[in-house]
Amino acid sequence: VLACARLLLRDPDLVILDEPSSKLDPATERLVHQALGRLLTGRTGIIVAHRLSTVAFADDILILERGEVLEHGPRLTLAAAPTSHYSAMLRLAAGEDTA
């Protein structure tokens, strides 16, 4: 909480967050995502995340595996591309068959 307060007081153009919603229960995670939406308005944000819900409001995403870039681009474009890794992760999370 103190780190977030400092961040707001400094009003930076760039915000870097590492797993901002890890280890949170679903209700608290929703609150954090709402706060992130307000915090990142008008700023550039770099968010390291494993949860798909954390990147649900991102404009662009970059997917890494073992330090290599698998794909990057606009989140909505990657989500709509049936062969993208991001689209496959979304289908897997939704319980759909990815075969």
N, C-alpha and C. Protein backbone atom coordinates (compact mmCIF):
# COMPACT_ATOMS: atom_id res chain seq x y z
N VAL A 1 0.83 -1.19 0.00
CA VAL A 1 0.00 0.00 0.00
C VAL A 1 0.87 1.25 0.00
N LEU A 2 1.94 1.23 0.78
CA LEU A 2 2.84 2.38 0.85
C LEU A 2 3.49 2.64 -0.51
N ALA A 3 3.87 1.58 -1.20
CA ALA A 3 4.49 1.74 -2.52
C ALA A 3 3.50 2.37 -3.50
N CYS A 4 2.24 1.99 -3.43
CA CYS A 4 1.23 2.58 -4.31
C CYS A 4 1.02 4.05 -3.99
N ALA A 5 1.02 4.40 -2.72
CA ALA A 5 0.87 5.80 -2.33
C ALA A 5 2.03 6.64 -2.86
N ARG A 6 3.23 6.12 -2.74
CA ARG A 6 4.41 6.83 -3.27
C ARG A 6 4.29 7.02 -4.77
N LEU A 7 3.83 5.98 -5.44
CA LEU A 7 3.67 6.03 -6.89
C LEU A 7 2.71 7.14 -7.28
N LEU A 8 1.59 7.23 -6.60
CA LEU A 8 0.61 8.27 -6.91
C LEU A 8 1.14 9.67 -6.61
N LEU A 9 1.92 9.81 -5.56
CA LEU A 9 2.47 11.12 -5.21
C LEU A 9 3.50 11.59 -6.23
N ARG A 10 4.25 10.67 -6.78
CA ARG A 10 5.30 11.04 -7.74
C ARG A 10 4.74 11.29 -9.14
N ASP A 11 3.57 10.74 -9.44
CA ASP A 11 2.90 10.93 -10.73
C ASP A 11 3.83 10.64 -11.92
N PRO A 12 4.37 9.42 -12.02
CA PRO A 12 5.31 9.11 -13.09
C PRO A 12 4.62 8.89 -14.44
N ASP A 13 5.37 9.06 -15.51
CA ASP A 13 4.87 8.77 -16.85
C ASP A 13 4.91 7.27 -17.14
N LEU A 14 5.82 6.56 -16.48
CA LEU A 14 6.01 5.12 -16.69
C LEU A 14 5.83 4.39 -15.36
N VAL A 15 5.01 3.34 -15.38
CA VAL A 15 4.77 2.52 -14.19
C VAL A 15 5.13 1.08 -14.55
N ILE A 16 5.98 0.45 -13.75
CA ILE A 16 6.36 -0.95 -13.95
C ILE A 16 5.90 -1.74 -12.73
N LEU A 17 5.10 -2.77 -12.98
CA LEU A 17 4.55 -3.60 -11.91
C LEU A 17 4.87 -5.06 -12.18
N ASP A 18 5.32 -5.76 -11.16
CA ASP A 18 5.65 -7.18 -11.28
C ASP A 18 4.63 -7.99 -10.49
N GLU A 19 3.79 -8.73 -11.21
CA GLU A 19 2.76 -9.58 -10.59
C GLU A 19 1.93 -8.81 -9.56
N PRO A 20 1.25 -7.74 -9.98
CA PRO A 20 0.53 -6.93 -9.00
C PRO A 20 -0.65 -7.63 -8.33
N SER A 21 -1.14 -8.71 -8.92
CA SER A 21 -2.30 -9.38 -8.31
C SER A 21 -2.01 -10.81 -7.88
N SER A 22 -0.75 -11.17 -7.81
CA SER A 22 -0.43 -12.54 -7.40
C SER A 22 -0.81 -12.74 -5.93
N LYS A 23 -1.23 -13.93 -5.63
CA LYS A 23 -1.59 -14.34 -4.26
C LYS A 23 -2.77 -13.57 -3.67
N LEU A 24 -3.62 -13.02 -4.52
CA LEU A 24 -4.80 -12.31 -4.04
C LEU A 24 -6.04 -13.17 -4.24
N ASP A 25 -7.00 -13.02 -3.36
CA ASP A 25 -8.28 -13.69 -3.56
C ASP A 25 -9.03 -12.95 -4.67
N PRO A 26 -10.02 -13.59 -5.31
CA PRO A 26 -10.70 -12.98 -6.46
C PRO A 26 -11.30 -11.59 -6.19
N ALA A 27 -11.88 -11.39 -5.02
CA ALA A 27 -12.49 -10.09 -4.71
C ALA A 27 -11.43 -8.99 -4.62
N THR A 28 -10.33 -9.28 -3.96
CA THR A 28 -9.25 -8.29 -3.84
C THR A 28 -8.59 -8.06 -5.19
N GLU A 29 -8.46 -9.13 -5.98
CA GLU A 29 -7.89 -8.99 -7.32
C GLU A 29 -8.72 -8.03 -8.17
N ARG A 30 -10.04 -8.13 -8.10
CA ARG A 30 -10.91 -7.20 -8.85
C ARG A 30 -10.66 -5.75 -8.41
N LEU A 31 -10.52 -5.54 -7.12
CA LEU A 31 -10.24 -4.19 -6.62
C LEU A 31 -8.90 -3.67 -7.13
N VAL A 32 -7.90 -4.53 -7.14
CA VAL A 32 -6.57 -4.14 -7.64
C VAL A 32 -6.66 -3.80 -9.12
N HIS A 33 -7.39 -4.59 -9.90
CA HIS A 33 -7.52 -4.32 -11.33
C HIS A 33 -8.23 -2.99 -11.57
N GLN A 34 -9.24 -2.70 -10.78
CA GLN A 34 -9.92 -1.40 -10.91
C GLN A 34 -8.96 -0.26 -10.60
N ALA A 35 -8.18 -0.42 -9.56
CA ALA A 35 -7.21 0.61 -9.18
C ALA A 35 -6.14 0.77 -10.26
N LEU A 36 -5.70 -0.36 -10.83
CA LEU A 36 -4.69 -0.29 -11.89
C LEU A 36 -5.23 0.46 -13.10
N GLY A 37 -6.48 0.22 -13.42
CA GLY A 37 -7.09 0.94 -14.54
C GLY A 37 -7.02 2.44 -14.35
N ARG A 38 -7.32 2.89 -13.14
CA ARG A 38 -7.25 4.33 -12.86
C ARG A 38 -5.80 4.81 -12.82
N LEU A 39 -4.94 4.02 -12.21
CA LEU A 39 -3.54 4.39 -12.06
C LEU A 39 -2.85 4.55 -13.41
N LEU A 40 -3.15 3.66 -14.34
CA LEU A 40 -2.45 3.66 -15.62
C LEU A 40 -3.05 4.59 -16.66
N THR A 41 -4.18 5.19 -16.37
CA THR A 41 -4.79 6.12 -17.32
C THR A 41 -3.83 7.28 -17.59
N GLY A 42 -3.50 7.47 -18.86
CA GLY A 42 -2.59 8.55 -19.24
C GLY A 42 -1.13 8.25 -19.00
N ARG A 43 -0.82 6.99 -18.65
CA ARG A 43 0.57 6.60 -18.39
C ARG A 43 0.91 5.36 -19.22
N THR A 44 2.19 5.14 -19.38
CA THR A 44 2.66 3.89 -19.96
C THR A 44 2.89 2.92 -18.81
N GLY A 45 2.35 1.73 -18.94
CA GLY A 45 2.52 0.72 -17.91
C GLY A 45 3.12 -0.55 -18.47
N ILE A 46 4.06 -1.10 -17.75
CA ILE A 46 4.63 -2.41 -18.08
C ILE A 46 4.27 -3.31 -16.91
N ILE A 47 3.51 -4.36 -17.20
CA ILE A 47 3.04 -5.25 -16.15
C ILE A 47 3.52 -6.66 -16.46
N VAL A 48 4.26 -7.23 -15.53
CA VAL A 48 4.68 -8.63 -15.63
C VAL A 48 3.58 -9.44 -14.95
N ALA A 49 3.00 -10.40 -15.68
CA ALA A 49 1.87 -11.14 -15.12
C ALA A 49 1.79 -12.55 -15.69
N HIS A 50 1.30 -13.45 -14.86
CA HIS A 50 0.99 -14.80 -15.31
C HIS A 50 -0.52 -15.00 -15.46
N ARG A 51 -1.30 -14.22 -14.75
CA ARG A 51 -2.75 -14.33 -14.80
C ARG A 51 -3.29 -13.59 -16.02
N LEU A 52 -4.13 -14.26 -16.79
CA LEU A 52 -4.73 -13.62 -17.95
C LEU A 52 -5.61 -12.45 -17.54
N SER A 53 -6.24 -12.54 -16.39
CA SER A 53 -7.11 -11.45 -15.94
C SER A 53 -6.32 -10.16 -15.70
N THR A 54 -5.05 -10.28 -15.39
CA THR A 54 -4.23 -9.10 -15.14
C THR A 54 -3.94 -8.33 -16.42
N VAL A 55 -3.87 -9.02 -17.55
CA VAL A 55 -3.58 -8.34 -18.81
C VAL A 55 -4.84 -8.05 -19.62
N ALA A 56 -6.01 -8.31 -19.03
CA ALA A 56 -7.27 -8.14 -19.76
C ALA A 56 -7.52 -6.70 -20.19
N PHE A 57 -6.90 -5.73 -19.55
CA PHE A 57 -7.11 -4.33 -19.92
C PHE A 57 -5.92 -3.73 -20.66
N ALA A 58 -4.93 -4.56 -21.00
CA ALA A 58 -3.73 -4.07 -21.68
C ALA A 58 -4.03 -3.76 -23.15
N ASP A 59 -3.36 -2.76 -23.68
CA ASP A 59 -3.47 -2.46 -25.10
C ASP A 59 -2.63 -3.45 -25.91
N ASP A 60 -1.39 -3.64 -25.49
CA ASP A 60 -0.46 -4.54 -26.17
C ASP A 60 0.08 -5.54 -25.18
N ILE A 61 0.40 -6.74 -25.68
CA ILE A 61 1.00 -7.75 -24.82
C ILE A 61 2.22 -8.34 -25.50
N LEU A 62 3.08 -8.89 -24.68
CA LEU A 62 4.30 -9.56 -25.13
C LEU A 62 4.34 -10.88 -24.37
N ILE A 63 4.43 -11.98 -25.10
CA ILE A 63 4.45 -13.29 -24.46
C ILE A 63 5.86 -13.86 -24.58
N LEU A 64 6.42 -14.22 -23.42
CA LEU A 64 7.77 -14.78 -23.34
C LEU A 64 7.70 -16.24 -22.90
N GLU A 65 8.63 -17.02 -23.39
CA GLU A 65 8.82 -18.38 -22.91
C GLU A 65 10.31 -18.65 -22.87
N ARG A 66 10.82 -18.96 -21.69
CA ARG A 66 12.25 -19.21 -21.48
C ARG A 66 13.11 -18.07 -22.02
N GLY A 67 12.66 -16.85 -21.79
CA GLY A 67 13.42 -15.68 -22.19
C GLY A 67 13.31 -15.30 -23.65
N GLU A 68 12.54 -16.04 -24.42
CA GLU A 68 12.36 -15.75 -25.85
C GLU A 68 10.97 -15.15 -26.08
N VAL A 69 10.91 -14.18 -26.98
CA VAL A 69 9.62 -13.59 -27.34
C VAL A 69 8.89 -14.54 -28.27
N LEU A 70 7.72 -15.03 -27.83
CA LEU A 70 6.90 -15.89 -28.67
C LEU A 70 6.04 -15.07 -29.61
N GLU A 71 5.47 -14.00 -29.07
CA GLU A 71 4.65 -13.11 -29.89
C GLU A 71 4.42 -11.81 -29.14
N HIS A 72 4.08 -10.80 -29.90
CA HIS A 72 3.71 -9.52 -29.30
C HIS A 72 2.80 -8.80 -30.27
N GLY A 73 2.00 -7.93 -29.72
CA GLY A 73 1.10 -7.15 -30.55
C GLY A 73 -0.10 -6.68 -29.76
N PRO A 74 -1.05 -6.07 -30.47
CA PRO A 74 -2.27 -5.61 -29.80
C PRO A 74 -3.02 -6.80 -29.19
N ARG A 75 -3.43 -6.66 -27.94
CA ARG A 75 -4.10 -7.75 -27.23
C ARG A 75 -5.32 -8.26 -28.00
N LEU A 76 -6.16 -7.36 -28.49
CA LEU A 76 -7.38 -7.79 -29.18
C LEU A 76 -7.06 -8.51 -30.49
N THR A 77 -6.03 -8.08 -31.19
CA THR A 77 -5.63 -8.75 -32.43
C THR A 77 -5.13 -10.15 -32.13
N LEU A 78 -4.29 -10.29 -31.11
CA LEU A 78 -3.78 -11.62 -30.75
C LEU A 78 -4.89 -12.52 -30.24
N ALA A 79 -5.83 -11.97 -29.50
CA ALA A 79 -6.95 -12.77 -28.98
C ALA A 79 -7.81 -13.30 -30.12
N ALA A 80 -7.93 -12.54 -31.20
CA ALA A 80 -8.77 -12.95 -32.33
C ALA A 80 -8.06 -13.87 -33.31
N ALA A 81 -6.74 -13.95 -33.22
CA ALA A 81 -5.97 -14.79 -34.16
C ALA A 81 -5.96 -16.23 -33.67
N PRO A 82 -6.59 -17.15 -34.40
CA PRO A 82 -6.72 -18.53 -33.91
C PRO A 82 -5.40 -19.25 -33.70
N THR A 83 -4.33 -18.81 -34.34
CA THR A 83 -3.04 -19.50 -34.19
C THR A 83 -2.11 -18.83 -33.18
N SER A 84 -2.57 -17.77 -32.53
CA SER A 84 -1.68 -17.09 -31.59
C SER A 84 -1.59 -17.83 -30.26
N HIS A 85 -0.48 -17.67 -29.60
CA HIS A 85 -0.29 -18.28 -28.27
C HIS A 85 -1.27 -17.68 -27.27
N TYR A 86 -1.48 -16.38 -27.36
CA TYR A 86 -2.40 -15.71 -26.44
C TYR A 86 -3.82 -16.25 -26.62
N SER A 87 -4.25 -16.40 -27.86
CA SER A 87 -5.58 -16.95 -28.13
C SER A 87 -5.70 -18.37 -27.58
N ALA A 88 -4.65 -19.16 -27.73
CA ALA A 88 -4.66 -20.53 -27.19
C ALA A 88 -4.77 -20.51 -25.67
N MET A 89 -4.08 -19.59 -25.02
CA MET A 89 -4.16 -19.49 -23.56
C MET A 89 -5.56 -19.09 -23.12
N LEU A 90 -6.19 -18.18 -23.86
CA LEU A 90 -7.56 -17.78 -23.53
C LEU A 90 -8.52 -18.96 -23.68
N ARG A 91 -8.36 -19.73 -24.75
CA ARG A 91 -9.23 -20.90 -24.96
C ARG A 91 -9.01 -21.93 -23.86
N LEU A 92 -7.77 -22.15 -23.49
CA LEU A 92 -7.46 -23.11 -22.43
C LEU A 92 -8.07 -22.66 -21.10
N ALA A 93 -7.95 -21.38 -20.80
CA ALA A 93 -8.52 -20.84 -19.56
C ALA A 93 -10.04 -20.95 -19.54
N ALA A 94 -10.65 -20.86 -20.73
CA ALA A 94 -12.10 -20.95 -20.83
C ALA A 94 -12.57 -22.41 -20.85
N GLY A 95 -11.61 -23.34 -20.86
CA GLY A 95 -11.96 -24.75 -20.87
C GLY A 95 -12.30 -25.28 -22.25
N GLU A 96 -11.93 -24.53 -23.28
CA GLU A 96 -12.20 -24.97 -24.64
C GLU A 96 -11.07 -25.86 -25.12
N ASP A 97 -11.38 -26.72 -26.06
CA ASP A 97 -10.38 -27.60 -26.65
C ASP A 97 -9.47 -26.78 -27.55
N THR A 98 -8.17 -26.89 -27.34
CA THR A 98 -7.21 -26.12 -28.15
C THR A 98 -6.59 -26.96 -29.26
N ALA A 99 -7.04 -28.19 -29.43
CA ALA A 99 -6.48 -29.07 -30.46
C ALA A 99 -6.98 -28.70 -31.83
